[in-house]
């Protein structure tokens, strides 16, 4: 009887949730949550603005832990801050939303 192959640390039976995708994108860049918050503020300044750093840090934690889902604006802001297509973050995208 053949045994099942051992799992490596990078494999997971769980699907990639939004929070895991967000954390993976941030960590791939070796950014802290604070660095992502600063980047969101920078990108937000070119659009409709963004929250203050303390609020952003709380929201990033809630998003990464799947306790909250970002609004369409925040989703687009996150994608722009990370430099990825919005669809890469794994949430439904409103085709009518204008960033």
N, C-alpha and C. Protein backbone atom coordinates (compact mmCIF):
# COMPACT_ATOMS: atom_id res chain seq x y z
N UNK A 1 0.85 -1.17 0.00
CA UNK A 1 0.00 0.00 0.00
C UNK A 1 0.90 1.24 0.00
N UNK A 2 0.69 2.12 -0.95
CA UNK A 2 1.50 3.34 -1.06
C UNK A 2 0.96 4.39 -0.10
N UNK A 3 1.87 5.10 0.52
CA UNK A 3 1.44 6.16 1.43
C UNK A 3 1.27 7.46 0.65
N UNK A 4 0.44 8.32 1.18
CA UNK A 4 0.20 9.62 0.55
C UNK A 4 1.45 10.47 0.68
N UNK A 5 1.74 11.31 -0.33
CA UNK A 5 2.91 12.18 -0.22
C UNK A 5 2.76 13.16 0.93
N UNK A 6 3.85 13.46 1.56
CA UNK A 6 3.83 14.41 2.68
C UNK A 6 3.55 15.81 2.17
N UNK A 7 2.81 16.56 2.94
CA UNK A 7 2.52 17.96 2.59
C UNK A 7 3.70 18.83 2.96
N UNK A 8 3.96 19.80 2.13
CA UNK A 8 4.99 20.78 2.47
C UNK A 8 4.29 21.96 3.13
N UNK A 9 5.05 22.84 3.73
CA UNK A 9 4.47 24.00 4.41
C UNK A 9 3.75 24.95 3.49
N UNK A 10 4.04 24.92 2.19
CA UNK A 10 3.42 25.86 1.27
C UNK A 10 2.09 25.36 0.72
N UNK A 11 1.77 24.08 0.93
CA UNK A 11 0.51 23.54 0.44
C UNK A 11 -0.56 23.72 1.48
N UNK A 12 -1.79 23.84 1.02
CA UNK A 12 -2.89 23.99 1.96
C UNK A 12 -4.15 23.45 1.32
N UNK A 13 -4.97 22.78 2.11
CA UNK A 13 -6.24 22.27 1.62
C UNK A 13 -7.27 23.40 1.55
N UNK A 14 -7.02 24.48 2.25
CA UNK A 14 -7.95 25.61 2.28
C UNK A 14 -7.79 26.47 1.03
N UNK A 15 -8.91 26.98 0.52
CA UNK A 15 -8.78 27.92 -0.61
C UNK A 15 -8.17 29.23 -0.13
N UNK A 16 -7.61 29.95 -1.06
CA UNK A 16 -7.04 31.26 -0.70
C UNK A 16 -8.17 32.26 -0.51
N UNK A 17 -8.35 32.67 0.71
CA UNK A 17 -9.36 33.69 1.01
C UNK A 17 -8.78 35.05 0.62
N UNK A 18 -9.64 36.05 0.64
CA UNK A 18 -9.17 37.40 0.38
C UNK A 18 -8.06 37.78 1.35
N UNK A 19 -8.27 37.50 2.63
CA UNK A 19 -7.28 37.85 3.65
C UNK A 19 -5.93 37.19 3.40
N UNK A 20 -5.96 35.91 3.03
CA UNK A 20 -4.70 35.21 2.75
C UNK A 20 -4.03 35.77 1.51
N UNK A 21 -4.82 36.11 0.50
CA UNK A 21 -4.24 36.70 -0.72
C UNK A 21 -3.59 38.05 -0.40
N UNK A 22 -4.30 38.86 0.39
CA UNK A 22 -3.78 40.17 0.76
C UNK A 22 -2.48 40.02 1.54
N UNK A 23 -2.48 39.15 2.54
CA UNK A 23 -1.28 38.93 3.35
C UNK A 23 -0.13 38.41 2.48
N UNK A 24 -0.45 37.49 1.57
CA UNK A 24 0.58 36.92 0.69
C UNK A 24 1.20 38.01 -0.19
N UNK A 25 0.36 38.88 -0.76
CA UNK A 25 0.86 39.97 -1.60
C UNK A 25 1.75 40.91 -0.78
N UNK A 26 1.29 41.25 0.42
CA UNK A 26 2.07 42.16 1.28
C UNK A 26 3.40 41.52 1.68
N UNK A 27 3.35 40.29 2.10
CA UNK A 27 4.57 39.63 2.57
C UNK A 27 5.54 39.33 1.43
N UNK A 28 5.02 39.08 0.23
CA UNK A 28 5.89 38.85 -0.92
C UNK A 28 6.77 40.08 -1.16
N UNK A 29 6.21 41.26 -0.87
CA UNK A 29 6.96 42.51 -1.02
C UNK A 29 7.82 42.81 0.21
N UNK A 30 7.68 41.98 1.24
CA UNK A 30 8.39 42.15 2.51
C UNK A 30 8.00 43.47 3.19
N UNK A 31 6.71 43.80 3.05
CA UNK A 31 6.18 44.99 3.67
C UNK A 31 5.51 44.63 4.99
N UNK A 32 5.64 45.50 5.96
CA UNK A 32 4.87 45.38 7.20
C UNK A 32 3.48 45.95 6.92
N UNK A 33 2.57 45.74 7.85
CA UNK A 33 1.26 46.35 7.70
C UNK A 33 1.39 47.87 7.69
N UNK A 34 2.33 48.39 8.45
CA UNK A 34 2.54 49.84 8.48
C UNK A 34 3.03 50.34 7.12
N UNK A 35 3.92 49.61 6.47
CA UNK A 35 4.39 50.02 5.15
C UNK A 35 3.25 50.00 4.14
N UNK A 36 2.38 48.98 4.21
CA UNK A 36 1.22 48.94 3.32
C UNK A 36 0.30 50.12 3.61
N UNK A 37 0.10 50.43 4.87
CA UNK A 37 -0.76 51.57 5.24
C UNK A 37 -0.20 52.87 4.66
N UNK A 38 1.11 53.07 4.73
CA UNK A 38 1.72 54.27 4.15
C UNK A 38 1.51 54.30 2.64
N UNK A 39 1.65 53.15 2.00
CA UNK A 39 1.45 53.09 0.54
C UNK A 39 0.00 53.38 0.19
N UNK A 40 -0.93 52.89 0.97
CA UNK A 40 -2.35 53.17 0.73
C UNK A 40 -2.60 54.67 0.85
N UNK A 41 -2.02 55.32 1.87
CA UNK A 41 -2.17 56.77 2.03
C UNK A 41 -1.61 57.51 0.82
N UNK A 42 -0.46 57.06 0.33
CA UNK A 42 0.16 57.69 -0.84
C UNK A 42 -0.73 57.57 -2.07
N UNK A 43 -1.21 56.38 -2.34
CA UNK A 43 -2.08 56.15 -3.50
C UNK A 43 -3.42 56.86 -3.29
N UNK A 44 -3.93 56.82 -2.08
CA UNK A 44 -5.20 57.48 -1.78
C UNK A 44 -5.16 58.97 -2.03
N UNK A 45 -3.99 59.58 -1.83
CA UNK A 45 -3.83 61.01 -2.09
C UNK A 45 -4.03 61.37 -3.55
N UNK A 46 -3.84 60.39 -4.44
CA UNK A 46 -4.03 60.62 -5.88
C UNK A 46 -5.48 60.39 -6.30
N UNK A 47 -6.30 59.91 -5.38
CA UNK A 47 -7.70 59.61 -5.69
C UNK A 47 -8.59 60.40 -4.73
N UNK A 48 -9.45 59.71 -4.01
CA UNK A 48 -10.38 60.38 -3.10
C UNK A 48 -9.89 60.42 -1.67
N UNK A 49 -8.63 60.06 -1.46
CA UNK A 49 -8.09 60.06 -0.11
C UNK A 49 -8.23 58.70 0.55
N UNK A 50 -7.72 58.60 1.78
CA UNK A 50 -7.83 57.37 2.55
C UNK A 50 -7.86 57.74 4.03
N UNK A 51 -8.04 56.73 4.84
CA UNK A 51 -8.13 56.93 6.29
C UNK A 51 -6.76 57.28 6.87
N UNK A 52 -6.76 57.63 8.13
CA UNK A 52 -5.52 57.90 8.85
C UNK A 52 -4.80 56.58 9.14
N UNK A 53 -3.49 56.66 9.39
CA UNK A 53 -2.69 55.46 9.60
C UNK A 53 -3.22 54.52 10.68
N UNK A 54 -3.58 55.02 11.88
CA UNK A 54 -4.08 54.08 12.89
C UNK A 54 -5.32 53.30 12.42
N UNK A 55 -6.22 53.97 11.72
CA UNK A 55 -7.42 53.30 11.21
C UNK A 55 -7.06 52.30 10.12
N UNK A 56 -6.12 52.67 9.26
CA UNK A 56 -5.70 51.76 8.20
C UNK A 56 -5.06 50.49 8.78
N UNK A 57 -4.25 50.65 9.81
CA UNK A 57 -3.62 49.48 10.43
C UNK A 57 -4.68 48.53 10.99
N UNK A 58 -5.70 49.07 11.61
CA UNK A 58 -6.78 48.24 12.13
C UNK A 58 -7.50 47.54 10.99
N UNK A 59 -7.80 48.28 9.92
CA UNK A 59 -8.52 47.68 8.78
C UNK A 59 -7.68 46.62 8.08
N UNK A 60 -6.40 46.88 7.88
CA UNK A 60 -5.54 45.88 7.23
C UNK A 60 -5.55 44.59 8.03
N UNK A 61 -5.46 44.70 9.35
CA UNK A 61 -5.51 43.51 10.20
C UNK A 61 -6.85 42.79 10.06
N UNK A 62 -7.94 43.54 10.06
CA UNK A 62 -9.26 42.92 9.91
C UNK A 62 -9.42 42.27 8.54
N UNK A 63 -8.91 42.93 7.50
CA UNK A 63 -8.99 42.33 6.16
C UNK A 63 -8.16 41.05 6.09
N UNK A 64 -6.93 41.10 6.58
CA UNK A 64 -6.06 39.93 6.50
C UNK A 64 -6.58 38.76 7.32
N UNK A 65 -7.31 39.04 8.38
CA UNK A 65 -7.86 37.98 9.22
C UNK A 65 -9.31 37.63 8.86
N UNK A 66 -9.77 38.14 7.72
CA UNK A 66 -11.11 37.86 7.19
C UNK A 66 -12.22 38.24 8.16
N UNK A 67 -12.01 39.33 8.92
CA UNK A 67 -13.05 39.83 9.81
C UNK A 67 -13.89 40.90 9.13
N UNK A 68 -13.36 41.50 8.08
CA UNK A 68 -14.06 42.54 7.31
C UNK A 68 -13.74 42.35 5.84
N UNK A 69 -14.64 42.82 5.00
CA UNK A 69 -14.43 42.82 3.55
C UNK A 69 -14.37 44.29 3.13
N UNK A 70 -13.36 44.65 2.33
CA UNK A 70 -13.24 46.06 1.94
C UNK A 70 -14.34 46.50 0.98
N UNK A 71 -14.64 47.79 1.01
CA UNK A 71 -15.56 48.37 0.03
C UNK A 71 -14.89 48.31 -1.34
N UNK A 72 -15.64 48.60 -2.38
CA UNK A 72 -15.05 48.62 -3.73
C UNK A 72 -13.91 49.64 -3.81
N UNK A 73 -14.11 50.80 -3.18
CA UNK A 73 -13.05 51.82 -3.20
C UNK A 73 -11.80 51.30 -2.51
N UNK A 74 -11.96 50.72 -1.32
CA UNK A 74 -10.81 50.21 -0.58
C UNK A 74 -10.15 49.05 -1.33
N UNK A 75 -10.95 48.21 -1.96
CA UNK A 75 -10.40 47.10 -2.75
C UNK A 75 -9.53 47.62 -3.89
N UNK A 76 -10.02 48.63 -4.60
CA UNK A 76 -9.25 49.23 -5.69
C UNK A 76 -8.01 49.95 -5.16
N UNK A 77 -8.16 50.59 -4.02
CA UNK A 77 -7.04 51.28 -3.39
C UNK A 77 -5.95 50.28 -2.98
N UNK A 78 -6.34 49.16 -2.41
CA UNK A 78 -5.39 48.10 -2.04
C UNK A 78 -4.66 47.57 -3.26
N UNK A 79 -5.42 47.27 -4.31
CA UNK A 79 -4.81 46.75 -5.53
C UNK A 79 -3.81 47.75 -6.11
N UNK A 80 -4.18 49.02 -6.14
CA UNK A 80 -3.27 50.05 -6.67
C UNK A 80 -2.03 50.18 -5.79
N UNK A 81 -2.22 50.12 -4.47
CA UNK A 81 -1.08 50.23 -3.55
C UNK A 81 -0.12 49.06 -3.72
N UNK A 82 -0.67 47.87 -3.99
CA UNK A 82 0.15 46.67 -4.18
C UNK A 82 0.65 46.51 -5.61
N UNK A 83 0.05 47.26 -6.53
CA UNK A 83 0.45 47.16 -7.93
C UNK A 83 -0.02 45.89 -8.60
N UNK A 84 -1.21 45.41 -8.21
CA UNK A 84 -1.76 44.18 -8.79
C UNK A 84 -3.14 44.47 -9.36
N UNK A 85 -3.60 43.65 -10.31
CA UNK A 85 -4.98 43.79 -10.78
C UNK A 85 -5.95 43.52 -9.64
N UNK A 86 -7.05 44.22 -9.61
CA UNK A 86 -8.04 44.06 -8.54
C UNK A 86 -8.49 42.60 -8.45
N UNK A 87 -8.68 41.95 -9.58
CA UNK A 87 -9.16 40.56 -9.59
C UNK A 87 -8.21 39.61 -8.87
N UNK A 88 -6.93 39.95 -8.80
CA UNK A 88 -5.95 39.08 -8.12
C UNK A 88 -6.23 38.94 -6.64
N UNK A 89 -6.98 39.87 -6.06
CA UNK A 89 -7.25 39.83 -4.63
C UNK A 89 -8.41 38.89 -4.29
N UNK A 90 -9.09 38.38 -5.30
CA UNK A 90 -10.07 37.33 -5.08
C UNK A 90 -11.45 37.71 -4.61
N UNK A 91 -11.80 38.99 -4.71
CA UNK A 91 -13.16 39.42 -4.35
C UNK A 91 -13.90 39.85 -5.61
N UNK A 92 -15.23 39.80 -5.59
CA UNK A 92 -15.99 40.26 -6.75
C UNK A 92 -15.70 41.74 -7.02
N UNK A 93 -15.59 42.06 -8.28
CA UNK A 93 -15.31 43.44 -8.70
C UNK A 93 -16.54 43.99 -9.38
N UNK A 94 -16.98 45.15 -8.95
CA UNK A 94 -18.11 45.84 -9.57
C UNK A 94 -17.64 46.47 -10.86
N UNK A 95 -18.13 45.98 -11.98
CA UNK A 95 -17.70 46.47 -13.29
C UNK A 95 -18.06 47.94 -13.50
N UNK A 96 -19.05 48.43 -12.78
CA UNK A 96 -19.48 49.82 -12.93
C UNK A 96 -18.73 50.79 -12.01
N UNK A 97 -17.90 50.26 -11.12
CA UNK A 97 -17.19 51.11 -10.18
C UNK A 97 -16.10 51.89 -10.91
N UNK A 98 -16.01 53.18 -10.63
CA UNK A 98 -14.98 54.04 -11.22
C UNK A 98 -14.01 54.45 -10.12
N UNK A 99 -12.75 54.07 -10.28
CA UNK A 99 -11.73 54.37 -9.29
C UNK A 99 -11.14 55.71 -9.64
